[in-house]
């Protein structure tokens, strides 16, 4: 749910403490956002389940326990730990948005979005225009751009080490073609995606749902979460 720039910036900061293989950990942080044509859906790759958020029952949670059970024998691999980091980050950001920004009726239907200025953006129950998705992604994409421009983002560079580890995925939904395609995007298009337009340069940090200070707190708290949760695991071979 956060942009790749946020995922990679959090991974970079967390890894200053964790000291995992950078290429594997960074690339793992991108794995669940699968490309079109991949043999697994984004929903399944994120381990979404029919578990409702406590404060927002019409939204589903990521099943962290299911992920840990699936990969219990692979958690020494930094690629899998990066994957774990990604879904922890998504769950963390989703919880904040769903708990603080979604307006619900008595049946727990989401009928509006609370903006940072206190106004309500009303939506239909079925959200046919996918307004929720647009609003929750907009702030995070913009914040990610500023992280990128501030050199907080570091990219994986060693494709071969990724290819030698993707067989640990369950199911094994990546192959050389897909990994190469993603590396090409990171090397050739990612910089363009993170380029600030004129409005974003002049009117810095103009967000709809959160203030810059709130986003900074979310970002820093998420870094701490990743360090804490991965540090809880008993890792034997961190530098694989």
Foldseek 3Di string as FASTA:
>chain_A
DFDLLLLQLLQLLLCVVVVFANQLLSVLLVPLVADPPFPDDSCVLLQWDQDADPQQRVDTARDLVVLCVLCVVPLLGSNSLSVSLNSLLVRLLVNCQRNQFFDADPVSQGAWGQWPVRDTHGADSVNPVVVVVVQSHVLSLLVSLVCVVVVSGDHNDDLVVVQVPLVSDVPSRDHPVRSVVVNCCVVPPPNVSSDDDPCCVVVPQPGTHDGPVVVVVSSVVSSVVSNVVSVVDDHDNRHD
